[in-house]
Amino acid sequence: MLRWLFWDNQKLSGYMATYRFLRTFTPAPEPKVLDFFRRRIDDFLAILGGQVASRPFVAGDGATVADLSLCAYLSFPEDETGYHLAAVCPNVHAWLGRIAALPGWRSPYDLLPGKRLPRFR
């Protein structure tokens, strides 16, 4: 589980957070930078998709803190992330559905108080 937490921090969420911010919340993101981030995220989603293809959650049959960490930036709306996960990463999409079905689950915008950032996309 610890390995997945480190992987998420250094790979998936680290890149997805920056990509989402640049893509959605900055007025003129550099296309080459977005392309670089997108290619890396695609690779990371393929790794995650492979992991959850044969098990319900990342570390086995039950959800752990690793699942909650990994799903954070993937749980934002598609118009912010630029990813239609059901089409491009069906295993990840199904895994996110299992997480959303957990008791007490709330989406990020259900949990985050305050005014939203202005969107440029």
PDB file of N, CA and C in Angstrom:
ATOM      1  N   MET A   1       0.825  -1.180   0.000  1.00  0.00           N
ATOM      2  CA  MET A   1       0.000   0.000   0.000  1.00  0.00           C
ATOM      3  C   MET A   1       0.879   1.256   0.000  1.00  0.00           C
ATOM      4  N   LEU A   2       1.928   1.245   0.786  1.00  0.00           N
ATOM      5  CA  LEU A   2       2.817   2.405   0.849  1.00  0.00           C
ATOM      6  C   LEU A   2       3.427   2.707  -0.518  1.00  0.00           C
ATOM      7  N   ARG A   3       3.760   1.669  -1.248  1.00  0.00           N
ATOM      8  CA  ARG A   3       4.325   1.861  -2.582  1.00  0.00           C
ATOM      9  C   ARG A   3       3.331   2.592  -3.488  1.00  0.00           C
ATOM     10  N   TRP A   4       2.051   2.250  -3.416  1.00  0.00           N
ATOM     11  CA  TRP A   4       1.036   2.925  -4.217  1.00  0.00           C
ATOM     12  C   TRP A   4       0.870   4.379  -3.791  1.00  0.00           C
ATOM     13  N   LEU A   5       0.979   4.649  -2.509  1.00  0.00           N
ATOM     14  CA  LEU A   5       0.883   6.034  -2.042  1.00  0.00           C
ATOM     15  C   LEU A   5       2.035   6.877  -2.603  1.00  0.00           C
ATOM     16  N   PHE A   6       3.242   6.331  -2.566  1.00  0.00           N
ATOM     17  CA  PHE A   6       4.390   7.053  -3.118  1.00  0.00           C
ATOM     18  C   PHE A   6       4.249   7.217  -4.632  1.00  0.00           C
ATOM     19  N   TRP A   7       3.823   6.153  -5.297  1.00  0.00           N
ATOM     20  CA  TRP A   7       3.645   6.211  -6.747  1.00  0.00           C
ATOM     21  C   TRP A   7       2.623   7.285  -7.113  1.00  0.00           C
ATOM     22  N   ASP A   8       1.528   7.313  -6.388  1.00  0.00           N
ATOM     23  CA  ASP A   8       0.507   8.319  -6.655  1.00  0.00           C
ATOM     24  C   ASP A   8       1.071   9.716  -6.478  1.00  0.00           C
ATOM     25  N   ASN A   9       1.761   9.940  -5.382  1.00  0.00           N
ATOM     26  CA  ASN A   9       2.289  11.271  -5.092  1.00  0.00           C
ATOM     27  C   ASN A   9       3.291  11.732  -6.141  1.00  0.00           C
ATOM     28  N   GLN A  10       4.145  10.830  -6.583  1.00  0.00           N
ATOM     29  CA  GLN A  10       5.201  11.199  -7.518  1.00  0.00           C
ATOM     30  C   GLN A  10       4.789  11.083  -8.983  1.00  0.00           C
ATOM     31  N   LYS A  11       3.749  10.344  -9.256  1.00  0.00           N
ATOM     32  CA  LYS A  11       3.353  10.105 -10.642  1.00  0.00           C
ATOM     33  C   LYS A  11       1.951  10.640 -10.921  1.00  0.00           C
ATOM     34  N   LEU A  12       0.960   9.844 -10.625  1.00  0.00           N
ATOM     35  CA  LEU A  12      -0.393  10.155 -11.079  1.00  0.00           C
ATOM     36  C   LEU A  12      -0.915  11.496 -10.583  1.00  0.00           C
ATOM     37  N   SER A  13      -1.053  11.678  -9.299  1.00  0.00           N
ATOM     38  CA  SER A  13      -1.628  12.939  -8.797  1.00  0.00           C
ATOM     39  C   SER A  13      -0.717  14.130  -9.052  1.00  0.00           C
ATOM     40  N   GLY A  14       0.579  13.915  -8.971  1.00  0.00           N
ATOM     41  CA  GLY A  14       1.506  15.011  -9.235  1.00  0.00           C
ATOM     42  C   GLY A  14       1.356  15.576 -10.639  1.00  0.00           C
ATOM     43  N   TYR A  15       1.172  14.697 -11.608  1.00  0.00           N
ATOM     44  CA  TYR A  15       1.002  15.142 -12.990  1.00  0.00           C
ATOM     45  C   TYR A  15      -0.431  15.586 -13.261  1.00  0.00           C
ATOM     46  N   MET A  16      -1.418  14.829 -12.766  1.00  0.00           N
ATOM     47  CA  MET A  16      -2.817  15.168 -13.025  1.00  0.00           C
ATOM     48  C   MET A  16      -3.193  16.515 -12.408  1.00  0.00           C
ATOM     49  N   ALA A  17      -2.699  16.793 -11.222  1.00  0.00           N
ATOM     50  CA  ALA A  17      -3.009  18.076 -10.573  1.00  0.00           C
ATOM     51  C   ALA A  17      -2.491  19.243 -11.405  1.00  0.00           C
ATOM     52  N   THR A  18      -1.269  19.133 -11.868  1.00  0.00           N
ATOM     53  CA  THR A  18      -0.673  20.208 -12.651  1.00  0.00           C
ATOM     54  C   THR A  18      -1.369  20.337 -13.999  1.00  0.00           C
ATOM     55  N   TYR A  19      -1.620  19.212 -14.646  1.00  0.00           N
ATOM     56  CA  TYR A  19      -2.303  19.224 -15.938  1.00  0.00           C
ATOM     57  C   TYR A  19      -3.691  19.862 -15.821  1.00  0.00           C
ATOM     58  N   ARG A  20      -4.457  19.436 -14.834  1.00  0.00           N
ATOM     59  CA  ARG A  20      -5.804  19.972 -14.628  1.00  0.00           C
ATOM     60  C   ARG A  20      -5.750  21.482 -14.399  1.00  0.00           C
ATOM     61  N   PHE A  21      -4.836  21.917 -13.552  1.00  0.00           N
ATOM     62  CA  PHE A  21      -4.726  23.348 -13.264  1.00  0.00           C
ATOM     63  C   PHE A  21      -4.363  24.140 -14.520  1.00  0.00           C
ATOM     64  N   LEU A  22      -3.323  23.718 -15.212  1.00  0.00           N
ATOM     65  CA  LEU A  22      -2.892  24.440 -16.410  1.00  0.00           C
ATOM     66  C   LEU A  22      -3.979  24.444 -17.479  1.00  0.00           C
ATOM     67  N   ARG A  23      -4.589  23.287 -17.704  1.00  0.00           N
ATOM     68  CA  ARG A  23      -5.586  23.125 -18.759  1.00  0.00           C
ATOM     69  C   ARG A  23      -6.835  23.952 -18.508  1.00  0.00           C
ATOM     70  N   THR A  24      -7.285  23.990 -17.277  1.00  0.00           N
ATOM     71  CA  THR A  24      -8.595  24.546 -16.967  1.00  0.00           C
ATOM     72  C   THR A  24      -8.554  25.929 -16.332  1.00  0.00           C
ATOM     73  N   PHE A  25      -7.554  26.194 -15.532  1.00  0.00           N
ATOM     74  CA  PHE A  25      -7.578  27.396 -14.714  1.00  0.00           C
ATOM     75  C   PHE A  25      -6.534  28.442 -15.085  1.00  0.00           C
ATOM     76  N   THR A  26      -5.843  28.254 -16.195  1.00  0.00           N
ATOM     77  CA  THR A  26      -4.922  29.280 -16.679  1.00  0.00           C
ATOM     78  C   THR A  26      -5.394  29.744 -18.052  1.00  0.00           C
ATOM     79  N   PRO A  27      -5.202  31.020 -18.362  1.00  0.00           N
ATOM     80  CA  PRO A  27      -5.767  31.554 -19.603  1.00  0.00           C
ATOM     81  C   PRO A  27      -5.114  31.052 -20.885  1.00  0.00           C
ATOM     82  N   ALA A  28      -3.833  30.755 -20.866  1.00  0.00           N
ATOM     83  CA  ALA A  28      -3.152  30.367 -22.106  1.00  0.00           C
ATOM     84  C   ALA A  28      -2.060  29.334 -21.820  1.00  0.00           C
ATOM     85  N   PRO A  29      -2.462  28.103 -21.518  1.00  0.00           N
ATOM     86  CA  PRO A  29      -1.435  27.095 -21.241  1.00  0.00           C
ATOM     87  C   PRO A  29      -0.624  26.764 -22.495  1.00  0.00           C
ATOM     88  N   GLU A  30       0.615  26.439 -22.287  1.00  0.00           N
ATOM     89  CA  GLU A  30       1.512  26.087 -23.383  1.00  0.00           C
ATOM     90  C   GLU A  30       1.124  24.696 -23.908  1.00  0.00           C
ATOM     91  N   PRO A  31       0.737  24.583 -25.182  1.00  0.00           N
ATOM     92  CA  PRO A  31       0.303  23.290 -25.722  1.00  0.00           C
ATOM     93  C   PRO A  31       1.329  22.167 -25.589  1.00  0.00           C
ATOM     94  N   LYS A  32       2.613  22.482 -25.772  1.00  0.00           N
ATOM     95  CA  LYS A  32       3.639  21.439 -25.658  1.00  0.00           C
ATOM     96  C   LYS A  32       3.741  20.921 -24.225  1.00  0.00           C
ATOM     97  N   VAL A  33       3.547  21.789 -23.270  1.00  0.00           N
ATOM     98  CA  VAL A  33       3.572  21.368 -21.859  1.00  0.00           C
ATOM     99  C   VAL A  33       2.357  20.472 -21.581  1.00  0.00           C
ATOM    100  N   LEU A  34       1.190  20.884 -22.050  1.00  0.00           N
ATOM    101  CA  LEU A  34      -0.005  20.050 -21.871  1.00  0.00           C
ATOM    102  C   LEU A  34       0.164  18.691 -22.531  1.00  0.00           C
ATOM    103  N   ASP A  35       0.738  18.666 -23.733  1.00  0.00           N
ATOM    104  CA  ASP A  35       0.968  17.393 -24.426  1.00  0.00           C
ATOM    105  C   ASP A  35       1.904  16.488 -23.629  1.00  0.00           C
ATOM    106  N   PHE A  36       2.964  17.069 -23.078  1.00  0.00           N
ATOM    107  CA  PHE A  36       3.900  16.289 -22.268  1.00  0.00           C
ATOM    108  C   PHE A  36       3.188  15.670 -21.065  1.00  0.00           C
ATOM    109  N   PHE A  37       2.447  16.500 -20.336  1.00  0.00           N
ATOM    110  CA  PHE A  37       1.724  15.994 -19.167  1.00  0.00           C
ATOM    111  C   PHE A  37       0.706  14.937 -19.565  1.00  0.00           C
ATOM    112  N   ARG A  38      -0.004  15.177 -20.641  1.00  0.00           N
ATOM    113  CA  ARG A  38      -1.038  14.237 -21.088  1.00  0.00           C
ATOM    114  C   ARG A  38      -0.435  12.865 -21.406  1.00  0.00           C
ATOM    115  N   ARG A  39       0.688  12.839 -22.101  1.00  0.00           N
ATOM    116  CA  ARG A  39       1.335  11.551 -22.421  1.00  0.00           C
ATOM    117  C   ARG A  39       1.746  10.811 -21.154  1.00  0.00           C
ATOM    118  N   ARG A  40       2.282  11.530 -20.202  1.00  0.00           N
ATOM    119  CA  ARG A  40       2.683  10.889 -18.944  1.00  0.00           C
ATOM    120  C   ARG A  40       1.464  10.354 -18.197  1.00  0.00           C
ATOM    121  N   ILE A  41       0.407  11.152 -18.107  1.00  0.00           N
ATOM    122  CA  ILE A  41      -0.818  10.726 -17.419  1.00  0.00           C
ATOM    123  C   ILE A  41      -1.401   9.498 -18.111  1.00  0.00           C
ATOM    124  N   ASP A  42      -1.396   9.482 -19.432  1.00  0.00           N
ATOM    125  CA  ASP A  42      -1.892   8.306 -20.158  1.00  0.00           C
ATOM    126  C   ASP A  42      -1.130   7.048 -19.742  1.00  0.00           C
ATOM    127  N   ASP A  43       0.188   7.167 -19.626  1.00  0.00           N
ATOM    128  CA  ASP A  43       1.007   6.027 -19.177  1.00  0.00           C
ATOM    129  C   ASP A  43       0.618   5.591 -17.762  1.00  0.00           C
ATOM    130  N   PHE A  44       0.441   6.568 -16.881  1.00  0.00           N
ATOM    131  CA  PHE A  44       0.109   6.250 -15.489  1.00  0.00           C
ATOM    132  C   PHE A  44      -1.282   5.637 -15.380  1.00  0.00           C
ATOM    133  N   LEU A  45      -2.221   6.127 -16.174  1.00  0.00           N
ATOM    134  CA  LEU A  45      -3.567   5.542 -16.160  1.00  0.00           C
ATOM    135  C   LEU A  45      -3.544   4.103 -16.671  1.00  0.00           C
ATOM    136  N   ALA A  46      -2.683   3.823 -17.626  1.00  0.00           N
ATOM    137  CA  ALA A  46      -2.557   2.450 -18.113  1.00  0.00           C
ATOM    138  C   ALA A  46      -2.038   1.533 -17.007  1.00  0.00           C
ATOM    139  N   ILE A  47      -1.094   2.005 -16.226  1.00  0.00           N
ATOM    140  CA  ILE A  47      -0.568   1.212 -15.099  1.00  0.00           C
ATOM    141  C   ILE A  47      -1.667   0.984 -14.080  1.00  0.00           C
ATOM    142  N   LEU A  48      -2.371   2.042 -13.705  1.00  0.00           N
ATOM    143  CA  LEU A  48      -3.455   1.909 -12.732  1.00  0.00           C
ATOM    144  C   LEU A  48      -4.556   1.002 -13.272  1.00  0.00           C
ATOM    145  N   GLY A  49      -4.912   1.179 -14.537  1.00  0.00           N
ATOM    146  CA  GLY A  49      -5.943   0.336 -15.144  1.00  0.00           C
ATOM    147  C   GLY A  49      -5.574  -1.134 -15.126  1.00  0.00           C
ATOM    148  N   GLY A  50      -4.316  -1.425 -15.359  1.00  0.00           N
ATOM    149  CA  GLY A  50      -3.861  -2.811 -15.283  1.00  0.00           C
ATOM    150  C   GLY A  50      -3.966  -3.378 -13.876  1.00  0.00           C
ATOM    151  N   GLN A  51      -3.694  -2.548 -12.904  1.00  0.00           N
ATOM    152  CA  GLN A  51      -3.750  -2.986 -11.503  1.00  0.00           C
ATOM    153  C   GLN A  51      -5.177  -3.304 -11.075  1.00  0.00           C
ATOM    154  N   VAL A  52      -6.133  -2.497 -11.494  1.00  0.00           N
ATOM    155  CA  VAL A  52      -7.522  -2.706 -11.042  1.00  0.00           C
ATOM    156  C   VAL A  52      -8.337  -3.540 -12.028  1.00  0.00           C
ATOM    157  N   ALA A  53      -7.702  -4.055 -13.062  1.00  0.00           N
ATOM    158  CA  ALA A  53      -8.417  -4.897 -14.027  1.00  0.00           C
ATOM    159  C   ALA A  53      -8.841  -6.228 -13.421  1.00  0.00           C
ATOM    160  N   SER A  54      -8.057  -6.735 -12.503  1.00  0.00           N
ATOM    161  CA  SER A  54      -8.338  -8.068 -11.957  1.00  0.00           C
ATOM    162  C   SER A  54      -8.605  -8.072 -10.459  1.00  0.00           C
ATOM    163  N   ARG A  55      -8.786  -6.908  -9.886  1.00  0.00           N
ATOM    164  CA  ARG A  55      -9.097  -6.808  -8.457  1.00  0.00           C
ATOM    165  C   ARG A  55      -9.990  -5.596  -8.246  1.00  0.00           C
ATOM    166  N   PRO A  56     -10.831  -5.630  -7.229  1.00  0.00           N
ATOM    167  CA  PRO A  56     -11.753  -4.509  -7.040  1.00  0.00           C
ATOM    168  C   PRO A  56     -11.074  -3.203  -6.636  1.00  0.00           C
ATOM    169  N   PHE A  57      -9.994  -3.296  -5.889  1.00  0.00           N
ATOM    170  CA  PHE A  57      -9.305  -2.095  -5.420  1.00  0.00           C
ATOM    171  C   PHE A  57      -7.809  -2.277  -5.621  1.00  0.00           C
ATOM    172  N   VAL A  58      -7.053  -1.233  -5.469  1.00  0.00           N
ATOM    173  CA  VAL A  58      -5.634  -1.247  -5.808  1.00  0.00           C
ATOM    174  C   VAL A  58      -4.846  -2.310  -5.043  1.00  0.00           C
ATOM    175  N   ALA A  59      -5.125  -2.441  -3.764  1.00  0.00           N
ATOM    176  CA  ALA A  59      -4.332  -3.370  -2.955  1.00  0.00           C
ATOM    177  C   ALA A  59      -5.082  -4.669  -2.629  1.00  0.00           C
ATOM    178  N   GLY A  60      -6.206  -4.928  -3.291  1.00  0.00           N
ATOM    179  CA  GLY A  60      -6.913  -6.179  -3.034  1.00  0.00           C
ATOM    180  C   GLY A  60      -8.417  -6.037  -3.085  1.00  0.00           C
ATOM    181  N   ASP A  61      -9.073  -6.747  -2.182  1.00  0.00           N
ATOM    182  CA  ASP A  61     -10.533  -6.822  -2.204  1.00  0.00           C
ATOM    183  C   ASP A  61     -11.237  -5.663  -1.517  1.00  0.00           C
ATOM    184  N   GLY A  62     -10.533  -4.930  -0.686  1.00  0.00           N
ATOM    185  CA  GLY A  62     -11.153  -3.818   0.038  1.00  0.00           C
ATOM    186  C   GLY A  62     -10.442  -2.508  -0.235  1.00  0.00           C
ATOM    187  N   ALA A  63     -11.186  -1.434  -0.121  1.00  0.00           N
ATOM    188  CA  ALA A  63     -10.601  -0.106  -0.327  1.00  0.00           C
ATOM    189  C   ALA A  63      -9.632   0.230   0.798  1.00  0.00           C
ATOM    190  N   THR A  64      -8.570   0.930   0.442  1.00  0.00           N
ATOM    191  CA  THR A  64      -7.576   1.379   1.418  1.00  0.00           C
ATOM    192  C   THR A  64      -7.300   2.860   1.194  1.00  0.00           C
ATOM    193  N   VAL A  65      -6.457   3.406   2.014  1.00  0.00           N
ATOM    194  CA  VAL A  65      -6.049   4.796   1.853  1.00  0.00           C
ATOM    195  C   VAL A  65      -5.370   5.007   0.494  1.00  0.00           C
ATOM    196  N   ALA A  66      -4.760   3.974  -0.049  1.00  0.00           N
ATOM    197  CA  ALA A  66      -4.140   4.096  -1.372  1.00  0.00           C
ATOM    198  C   ALA A  66      -5.195   4.392  -2.440  1.00  0.00           C
ATOM    199  N   ASP A  67      -6.333   3.715  -2.370  1.00  0.00           N
ATOM    200  CA  ASP A  67      -7.409   3.986  -3.330  1.00  0.00           C
ATOM    201  C   ASP A  67      -7.899   5.421  -3.206  1.00  0.00           C
ATOM    202  N   LEU A  68      -8.058   5.879  -1.974  1.00  0.00           N
ATOM    203  CA  LEU A  68      -8.545   7.240  -1.768  1.00  0.00           C
ATOM    204  C   LEU A  68      -7.542   8.276  -2.256  1.00  0.00           C
ATOM    205  N   SER A  69      -6.274   8.001  -2.089  1.00  0.00           N
ATOM    206  CA  SER A  69      -5.252   8.903  -2.588  1.00  0.00           C
ATOM    207  C   SER A  69      -5.255   8.928  -4.120  1.00  0.00           C
ATOM    208  N   LEU A  70      -5.256   7.756  -4.720  1.00  0.00           N
ATOM    209  CA  LEU A  70      -5.190   7.648  -6.175  1.00  0.00           C
ATOM    210  C   LEU A  70      -6.406   8.236  -6.887  1.00  0.00           C
ATOM    211  N   CYS A  71      -7.554   8.177  -6.257  1.00  0.00           N
ATOM    212  CA  CYS A  71      -8.769   8.630  -6.937  1.00  0.00           C
ATOM    213  C   CYS A  71      -8.982  10.137  -6.849  1.00  0.00           C
ATOM    214  N   ALA A  72      -8.216  10.824  -6.035  1.00  0.00           N
ATOM    215  CA  ALA A  72      -8.498  12.231  -5.740  1.00  0.00           C
ATOM    216  C   ALA A  72      -8.647  13.092  -6.997  1.00  0.00           C
ATOM    217  N   TYR A  73      -7.610  13.230  -7.787  1.00  0.00           N
ATOM    218  CA  TYR A  73      -7.682  14.104  -8.955  1.00  0.00           C
ATOM    219  C   TYR A  73      -8.465  13.484 -10.099  1.00  0.00           C
ATOM    220  N   LEU A  74      -8.651  12.179 -10.068  1.00  0.00           N
ATOM    221  CA  LEU A  74      -9.457  11.530 -11.100  1.00  0.00           C
ATOM    222  C   LEU A  74     -10.948  11.711 -10.854  1.00  0.00           C
ATOM    223  N   SER A  75     -11.301  12.188  -9.678  1.00  0.00           N
ATOM    224  CA  SER A  75     -12.713  12.363  -9.313  1.00  0.00           C
ATOM    225  C   SER A  75     -13.268  13.734  -9.672  1.00  0.00           C
ATOM    226  N   PHE A  76     -12.436  14.610 -10.187  1.00  0.00           N
ATOM    227  CA  PHE A  76     -12.939  15.910 -10.621  1.00  0.00           C
ATOM    228  C   PHE A  76     -13.682  15.729 -11.946  1.00  0.00           C
ATOM    229  N   PRO A  77     -14.537  16.676 -12.306  1.00  0.00           N
ATOM    230  CA  PRO A  77     -15.341  16.533 -13.529  1.00  0.00           C
ATOM    231  C   PRO A  77     -14.489  16.438 -14.789  1.00  0.00           C
ATOM    232  N   GLU A  78     -15.023  15.741 -15.765  1.00  0.00           N
ATOM    233  CA  GLU A  78     -14.347  15.538 -17.043  1.00  0.00           C
ATOM    234  C   GLU A  78     -13.989  16.852 -17.734  1.00  0.00           C
ATOM    235  N   ASP A  79     -14.833  17.854 -17.612  1.00  0.00           N
ATOM    236  CA  ASP A  79     -14.522  19.120 -18.284  1.00  0.00           C
ATOM    237  C   ASP A  79     -13.314  19.825 -17.663  1.00  0.00           C
ATOM    238  N   GLU A  80     -12.930  19.436 -16.469  1.00  0.00           N
ATOM    239  CA  GLU A  80     -11.713  19.970 -15.846  1.00  0.00           C
ATOM    240  C   GLU A  80     -10.496  19.115 -16.161  1.00  0.00           C
ATOM    241  N   THR A  81     -10.658  17.807 -16.110  1.00  0.00           N
ATOM    242  CA  THR A  81      -9.517  16.911 -16.304  1.00  0.00           C
ATOM    243  C   THR A  81      -9.200  16.666 -17.774  1.00  0.00           C
ATOM    244  N   GLY A  82     -10.208  16.792 -18.624  1.00  0.00           N
ATOM    245  CA  GLY A  82      -9.999  16.507 -20.036  1.00  0.00           C
ATOM    246  C   GLY A  82     -10.013  15.034 -20.362  1.00  0.00           C
ATOM    247  N   TYR A  83     -10.405  14.210 -19.403  1.00  0.00           N
ATOM    248  CA  TYR A  83     -10.424  12.762 -19.599  1.00  0.00           C
ATOM    249  C   TYR A  83     -11.841  12.216 -19.509  1.00  0.00           C
ATOM    250  N   HIS A  84     -12.261  11.531 -20.558  1.00  0.00           N
ATOM    251  CA  HIS A  84     -13.514  10.769 -20.532  1.00  0.00           C
ATOM    252  C   HIS A  84     -13.097   9.331 -20.194  1.00  0.00           C
ATOM    253  N   LEU A  85     -12.963   9.078 -18.901  1.00  0.00           N
ATOM    254  CA  LEU A  85     -12.376   7.820 -18.440  1.00  0.00           C
ATOM    255  C   LEU A  85     -13.169   6.588 -18.864  1.00  0.00           C
ATOM    256  N   ALA A  86     -14.483   6.709 -18.980  1.00  0.00           N
ATOM    257  CA  ALA A  86     -15.277   5.547 -19.408  1.00  0.00           C
ATOM    258  C   ALA A  86     -14.838   5.076 -20.792  1.00  0.00           C
ATOM    259  N   ALA A  87     -14.431   6.010 -21.645  1.00  0.00           N
ATOM    260  CA  ALA A  87     -14.025   5.661 -23.002  1.00  0.00           C
ATOM    261  C   ALA A  87     -12.557   5.274 -23.104  1.00  0.00           C
ATOM    262  N   VAL A  88     -11.688   6.008 -22.423  1.00  0.00           N
ATOM    263  CA  VAL A  88     -10.247   5.792 -22.617  1.00  0.00           C
ATOM    264  C   VAL A  88      -9.610   4.876 -21.583  1.00  0.00           C
ATOM    265  N   CYS A  89     -10.241   4.746 -20.413  1.00  0.00           N
ATOM    266  CA  CYS A  89      -9.689   3.912 -19.334  1.00  0.00           C
ATOM    267  C   CYS A  89     -10.833   3.203 -18.612  1.00  0.00           C
ATOM    268  N   PRO A  90     -11.483   2.248 -19.270  1.00  0.00           N
ATOM    269  CA  PRO A  90     -12.663   1.627 -18.656  1.00  0.00           C
ATOM    270  C   PRO A  90     -12.389   0.946 -17.314  1.00  0.00           C
ATOM    271  N   ASN A  91     -11.215   0.372 -17.139  1.00  0.00           N
ATOM    272  CA  ASN A  91     -10.911  -0.264 -15.848  1.00  0.00           C
ATOM    273  C   ASN A  91     -10.803   0.767 -14.731  1.00  0.00           C
ATOM    274  N   VAL A  92     -10.198   1.893 -15.032  1.00  0.00           N
ATOM    275  CA  VAL A  92     -10.093   2.973 -14.046  1.00  0.00           C
ATOM    276  C   VAL A  92     -11.483   3.541 -13.763  1.00  0.00           C
ATOM    277  N   HIS A  93     -12.265   3.712 -14.796  1.00  0.00           N
ATOM    278  CA  HIS A  93     -13.631   4.215 -14.624  1.00  0.00           C
ATOM    279  C   HIS A  93     -14.449   3.281 -13.723  1.00  0.00           C
ATOM    280  N   ALA A  94     -14.352   1.983 -13.956  1.00  0.00           N
ATOM    281  CA  ALA A  94     -15.079   1.011 -13.127  1.00  0.00           C
ATOM    282  C   ALA A  94     -14.592   1.048 -11.680  1.00  0.00           C
ATOM    283  N   TRP A  95     -13.291   1.161 -11.492  1.00  0.00           N
ATOM    284  CA  TRP A  95     -12.712   1.263 -10.150  1.00  0.00           C
ATOM    285  C   TRP A  95     -13.212   2.518  -9.439  1.00  0.00           C
ATOM    286  N   LEU A  96     -13.264   3.647 -10.152  1.00  0.00           N
ATOM    287  CA  LEU A  96     -13.805   4.869  -9.554  1.00  0.00           C
ATOM    288  C   LEU A  96     -15.267   4.682  -9.159  1.00  0.00           C
ATOM    289  N   GLY A  97     -16.013   3.918  -9.943  1.00  0.00           N
ATOM    290  CA  GLY A  97     -17.394   3.614  -9.591  1.00  0.00           C
ATOM    291  C   GLY A  97     -17.495   2.811  -8.309  1.00  0.00           C
ATOM    292  N   ARG A  98     -16.572   1.870  -8.122  1.00  0.00           N
ATOM    293  CA  ARG A  98     -16.565   1.083  -6.876  1.00  0.00           C
ATOM    294  C   ARG A  98     -16.242   1.974  -5.675  1.00  0.00           C
ATOM    295  N   ILE A  99     -15.337   2.909  -5.871  1.00  0.00           N
ATOM    296  CA  ILE A  99     -15.013   3.840  -4.791  1.00  0.00           C
ATOM    297  C   ILE A  99     -16.220   4.733  -4.490  1.00  0.00           C
ATOM    298  N   ALA A 100     -16.858   5.252  -5.522  1.00  0.00           N
ATOM    299  CA  ALA A 100     -18.024   6.123  -5.324  1.00  0.00           C
ATOM    300  C   ALA A 100     -19.177   5.396  -4.636  1.00  0.00           C
ATOM    301  N   ALA A 101     -19.210   4.080  -4.728  1.00  0.00           N
ATOM    302  CA  ALA A 101     -20.269   3.290  -4.086  1.00  0.00           C
ATOM    303  C   ALA A 101     -19.981   3.011  -2.607  1.00  0.00           C
ATOM    304  N   LEU A 102     -18.798   3.375  -2.131  1.00  0.00           N
ATOM    305  CA  LEU A 102     -18.458   3.148  -0.723  1.00  0.00           C
ATOM    306  C   LEU A 102     -19.326   4.023   0.176  1.00  0.00           C
ATOM    307  N   PRO A 103     -19.687   3.526   1.344  1.00  0.00           N
ATOM    308  CA  PRO A 103     -20.483   4.337   2.280  1.00  0.00           C
ATOM    309  C   PRO A 103     -19.738   5.631   2.643  1.00  0.00           C
ATOM    310  N   GLY A 104     -20.454   6.735   2.586  1.00  0.00           N
ATOM    311  CA  GLY A 104     -19.880   8.014   2.969  1.00  0.00           C
ATOM    312  C   GLY A 104     -19.113   8.730   1.881  1.00  0.00           C
ATOM    313  N   TRP A 105     -18.976   8.128   0.689  1.00  0.00           N
ATOM    314  CA  TRP A 105     -18.226   8.764  -0.383  1.00  0.00           C
ATOM    315  C   TRP A 105     -18.863  10.096  -0.771  1.00  0.00           C
ATOM    316  N   ARG A 106     -18.038  11.087  -1.011  1.00  0.00           N
ATOM    317  CA  ARG A 106     -18.476  12.377  -1.530  1.00  0.00           C
ATOM    318  C   ARG A 106     -17.479  12.809  -2.604  1.00  0.00           C
ATOM    319  N   SER A 107     -17.977  13.456  -3.632  1.00  0.00           N
ATOM    320  CA  SER A 107     -17.089  13.954  -4.684  1.00  0.00           C
ATOM    321  C   SER A 107     -16.328  15.174  -4.157  1.00  0.00           C
ATOM    322  N   PRO A 108     -15.232  15.543  -4.828  1.00  0.00           N
ATOM    323  CA  PRO A 108     -14.442  16.674  -4.334  1.00  0.00           C
ATOM    324  C   PRO A 108     -15.254  17.948  -4.130  1.00  0.00           C
ATOM    325  N   TYR A 109     -16.115  18.296  -5.074  1.00  0.00           N
ATOM    326  CA  TYR A 109     -16.860  19.537  -4.938  1.00  0.00           C
ATOM    327  C   TYR A 109     -17.977  19.450  -3.899  1.00  0.00           C
ATOM    328  N   ASP A 110     -18.316  18.257  -3.471  1.00  0.00           N
ATOM    329  CA  ASP A 110     -19.228  18.123  -2.338  1.00  0.00           C
ATOM    330  C   ASP A 110     -18.499  18.380  -1.024  1.00  0.00           C
ATOM    331  N   LEU A 111     -17.188  18.231  -1.041  1.00  0.00           N
ATOM    332  CA  LEU A 111     -16.386  18.373   0.178  1.00  0.00           C
ATOM    333  C   LEU A 111     -15.672  19.721   0.283  1.00  0.00           C
ATOM    334  N   LEU A 112     -15.374  20.340  -0.851  1.00  0.00           N
ATOM    335  CA  LEU A 112     -14.589  21.570  -0.851  1.00  0.00           C
ATOM    336  C   LEU A 112     -15.484  22.792  -0.720  1.00  0.00           C
ATOM    337  N   PRO A 113     -15.339  23.542   0.363  1.00  0.00           N
ATOM    338  CA  PRO A 113     -16.163  24.745   0.517  1.00  0.00           C
ATOM    339  C   PRO A 113     -15.586  25.911  -0.288  1.00  0.00           C
ATOM    340  N   GLY A 114     -16.360  26.953  -0.405  1.00  0.00           N
ATOM    341  CA  GLY A 114     -15.843  28.192  -0.979  1.00  0.00           C
ATOM    342  C   GLY A 114     -16.136  28.380  -2.447  1.00  0.00           C
ATOM    343  N   LYS A 115     -15.687  29.520  -2.925  1.00  0.00           N
ATOM    344  CA  LYS A 115     -15.893  29.930  -4.303  1.00  0.00           C
ATOM    345  C   LYS A 115     -14.973  29.144  -5.233  1.00  0.00           C
ATOM    346  N   ARG A 116     -15.462  28.799  -6.381  1.00  0.00           N
ATOM    347  CA  ARG A 116     -14.677  28.067  -7.378  1.00  0.00           C
ATOM    348  C   ARG A 116     -13.769  29.014  -8.153  1.00  0.00           C
ATOM    349  N   LEU A 117     -12.645  28.491  -8.608  1.00  0.00           N
ATOM    350  CA  LEU A 117     -11.733  29.264  -9.440  1.00  0.00           C
ATOM    351  C   LEU A 117     -12.387  29.568 -10.782  1.00  0.00           C
ATOM    352  N   PRO A 118     -12.067  30.711 -11.377  1.00  0.00           N
ATOM    353  CA  PRO A 118     -12.580  30.976 -12.734  1.00  0.00           C
ATOM    354  C   PRO A 118     -11.963  29.996 -13.719  1.00  0.00           C
ATOM    355  N   ARG A 119     -12.779  29.530 -14.629  1.00  0.00           N
ATOM    356  CA  ARG A 119     -12.312  28.574 -15.648  1.00  0.00           C
ATOM    357  C   ARG A 119     -12.044  29.311 -16.946  1.00  0.00           C
ATOM    358  N   PHE A 120     -11.021  28.850 -17.630  1.00  0.00           N
ATOM    359  CA  PHE A 120     -10.685  29.390 -18.942  1.00  0.00           C
ATOM    360  C   PHE A 120     -10.985  28.395 -20.043  1.00  0.00           C
ATOM    361  N   ARG A 121     -11.442  27.236 -19.665  1.00  0.00           N
ATOM    362  CA  ARG A 121     -11.761  26.185 -20.637  1.00  0.00           C
ATOM    363  C   ARG A 121     -13.104  25.628 -20.341  1.00  0.00           C
TER     364      ARG A 121
END
